[in-house]
Amino acid sequence: MTREELIARIEETRRQLDRSIEQKENYEVIYRHSVELDVLIEQYIVAGF
């Protein structure tokens, strides 16, 4: 995955997380988005971007 693709995925996942929180979705949905975002950020850091 390119740097740009990874950044785009991070941004989209962050938006999904924000929407889930704003819409007061259930905890499992919010948690899933949060974990997915953490994994993507970790990939970004490990890749050294």
N, C-alpha and C. Protein backbone atom coordinates (compact mmCIF):
# COMPACT_ATOMS: atom_id res chain seq x y z
N MET A 1 0.85 -1.17 0.00
CA MET A 1 0.00 0.00 0.00
C MET A 1 0.90 1.24 0.00
N THR A 2 0.55 2.18 -0.83
CA THR A 2 1.34 3.41 -0.89
C THR A 2 1.02 4.29 0.31
N ARG A 3 1.89 5.27 0.53
CA ARG A 3 1.69 6.22 1.63
C ARG A 3 0.35 6.94 1.48
N GLU A 4 0.05 7.35 0.25
CA GLU A 4 -1.18 8.08 0.00
C GLU A 4 -2.41 7.21 0.26
N GLU A 5 -2.35 5.95 -0.16
CA GLU A 5 -3.46 5.03 0.08
C GLU A 5 -3.68 4.81 1.58
N LEU A 6 -2.58 4.65 2.31
CA LEU A 6 -2.69 4.44 3.74
C LEU A 6 -3.26 5.67 4.44
N ILE A 7 -2.82 6.84 4.05
CA ILE A 7 -3.35 8.08 4.62
C ILE A 7 -4.85 8.20 4.32
N ALA A 8 -5.25 7.86 3.12
CA ALA A 8 -6.67 7.93 2.75
C ALA A 8 -7.49 6.97 3.60
N ARG A 9 -6.97 5.77 3.83
CA ARG A 9 -7.69 4.81 4.68
C ARG A 9 -7.77 5.29 6.12
N ILE A 10 -6.68 5.89 6.62
CA ILE A 10 -6.69 6.43 7.98
C ILE A 10 -7.75 7.52 8.09
N GLU A 11 -7.77 8.42 7.14
CA GLU A 11 -8.73 9.53 7.17
C GLU A 11 -10.17 9.02 7.09
N GLU A 12 -10.43 8.06 6.24
CA GLU A 12 -11.79 7.52 6.10
C GLU A 12 -12.21 6.80 7.37
N THR A 13 -11.32 6.03 7.95
CA THR A 13 -11.64 5.32 9.18
C THR A 13 -11.88 6.29 10.33
N ARG A 14 -11.11 7.37 10.37
CA ARG A 14 -11.32 8.40 11.40
C ARG A 14 -12.70 9.03 11.24
N ARG A 15 -13.10 9.29 9.99
CA ARG A 15 -14.43 9.85 9.74
C ARG A 15 -15.53 8.88 10.20
N GLN A 16 -15.33 7.59 9.92
CA GLN A 16 -16.30 6.58 10.35
C GLN A 16 -16.40 6.55 11.87
N LEU A 17 -15.26 6.62 12.54
CA LEU A 17 -15.24 6.64 14.00
C LEU A 17 -15.97 7.87 14.51
N ASP A 18 -15.66 9.02 13.96
CA ASP A 18 -16.31 10.26 14.39
C ASP A 18 -17.83 10.17 14.20
N ARG A 19 -18.26 9.66 13.04
CA ARG A 19 -19.71 9.53 12.78
C ARG A 19 -20.36 8.58 13.79
N SER A 20 -19.68 7.48 14.07
CA SER A 20 -20.22 6.51 15.02
C SER A 20 -20.41 7.14 16.39
N ILE A 21 -19.45 7.94 16.80
CA ILE A 21 -19.55 8.61 18.09
C ILE A 21 -20.67 9.65 18.07
N GLU A 22 -20.72 10.45 17.03
CA GLU A 22 -21.76 11.49 16.92
C GLU A 22 -23.16 10.90 16.90
N GLN A 23 -23.31 9.76 16.23
CA GLN A 23 -24.62 9.14 16.11
C GLN A 23 -24.94 8.22 17.29
N LYS A 24 -24.02 8.18 18.26
CA LYS A 24 -24.20 7.38 19.46
C LYS A 24 -24.49 5.91 19.14
N GLU A 25 -23.72 5.39 18.17
CA GLU A 25 -23.86 3.99 17.83
C GLU A 25 -23.41 3.15 19.03
N ASN A 26 -23.73 1.86 18.97
CA ASN A 26 -23.40 1.04 20.14
C ASN A 26 -21.89 0.87 20.29
N TYR A 27 -21.50 0.50 21.47
CA TYR A 27 -20.10 0.44 21.86
C TYR A 27 -19.28 -0.44 20.91
N GLU A 28 -19.81 -1.58 20.51
CA GLU A 28 -19.06 -2.51 19.67
C GLU A 28 -18.66 -1.88 18.34
N VAL A 29 -19.56 -1.09 17.76
CA VAL A 29 -19.28 -0.43 16.48
C VAL A 29 -18.18 0.62 16.67
N ILE A 30 -18.32 1.43 17.70
CA ILE A 30 -17.32 2.46 17.98
C ILE A 30 -15.97 1.82 18.25
N TYR A 31 -15.97 0.77 19.05
CA TYR A 31 -14.72 0.08 19.39
C TYR A 31 -14.06 -0.50 18.14
N ARG A 32 -14.86 -1.10 17.27
CA ARG A 32 -14.32 -1.70 16.03
C ARG A 32 -13.63 -0.64 15.17
N HIS A 33 -14.26 0.52 15.01
CA HIS A 33 -13.65 1.60 14.24
C HIS A 33 -12.37 2.10 14.92
N SER A 34 -12.40 2.18 16.23
CA SER A 34 -11.24 2.65 16.97
C SER A 34 -10.05 1.70 16.80
N VAL A 35 -10.30 0.42 16.91
CA VAL A 35 -9.24 -0.58 16.75
C VAL A 35 -8.71 -0.56 15.33
N GLU A 36 -9.61 -0.46 14.35
CA GLU A 36 -9.18 -0.41 12.95
C GLU A 36 -8.28 0.81 12.72
N LEU A 37 -8.66 1.95 13.28
CA LEU A 37 -7.84 3.15 13.14
C LEU A 37 -6.48 2.97 13.79
N ASP A 38 -6.45 2.36 14.97
CA ASP A 38 -5.17 2.10 15.65
C ASP A 38 -4.25 1.23 14.80
N VAL A 39 -4.81 0.20 14.18
CA VAL A 39 -4.02 -0.70 13.33
C VAL A 39 -3.44 0.06 12.14
N LEU A 40 -4.24 0.89 11.51
CA LEU A 40 -3.76 1.66 10.36
C LEU A 40 -2.67 2.64 10.76
N ILE A 41 -2.84 3.30 11.90
CA ILE A 41 -1.82 4.23 12.37
C ILE A 41 -0.53 3.48 12.68
N GLU A 42 -0.66 2.31 13.28
CA GLU A 42 0.53 1.50 13.57
C GLU A 42 1.25 1.13 12.27
N GLN A 43 0.49 0.75 11.23
CA GLN A 43 1.10 0.42 9.95
C GLN A 43 1.86 1.62 9.39
N TYR A 44 1.27 2.79 9.53
CA TYR A 44 1.91 4.01 9.05
C TYR A 44 3.24 4.24 9.78
N ILE A 45 3.23 4.08 11.09
CA ILE A 45 4.44 4.29 11.88
C ILE A 45 5.50 3.26 11.54
N VAL A 46 5.12 2.00 11.45
CA VAL A 46 6.08 0.93 11.16
C VAL A 46 6.69 1.12 9.77
N ALA A 47 5.89 1.62 8.84
CA ALA A 47 6.38 1.82 7.47
C ALA A 47 7.38 2.98 7.41
N GLY A 48 7.42 3.80 8.45
CA GLY A 48 8.37 4.88 8.50
C GLY A 48 8.01 6.09 7.65
N PHE A 49 6.72 6.25 7.39
CA PHE A 49 6.28 7.38 6.57
C PHE A 49 6.37 8.67 7.34
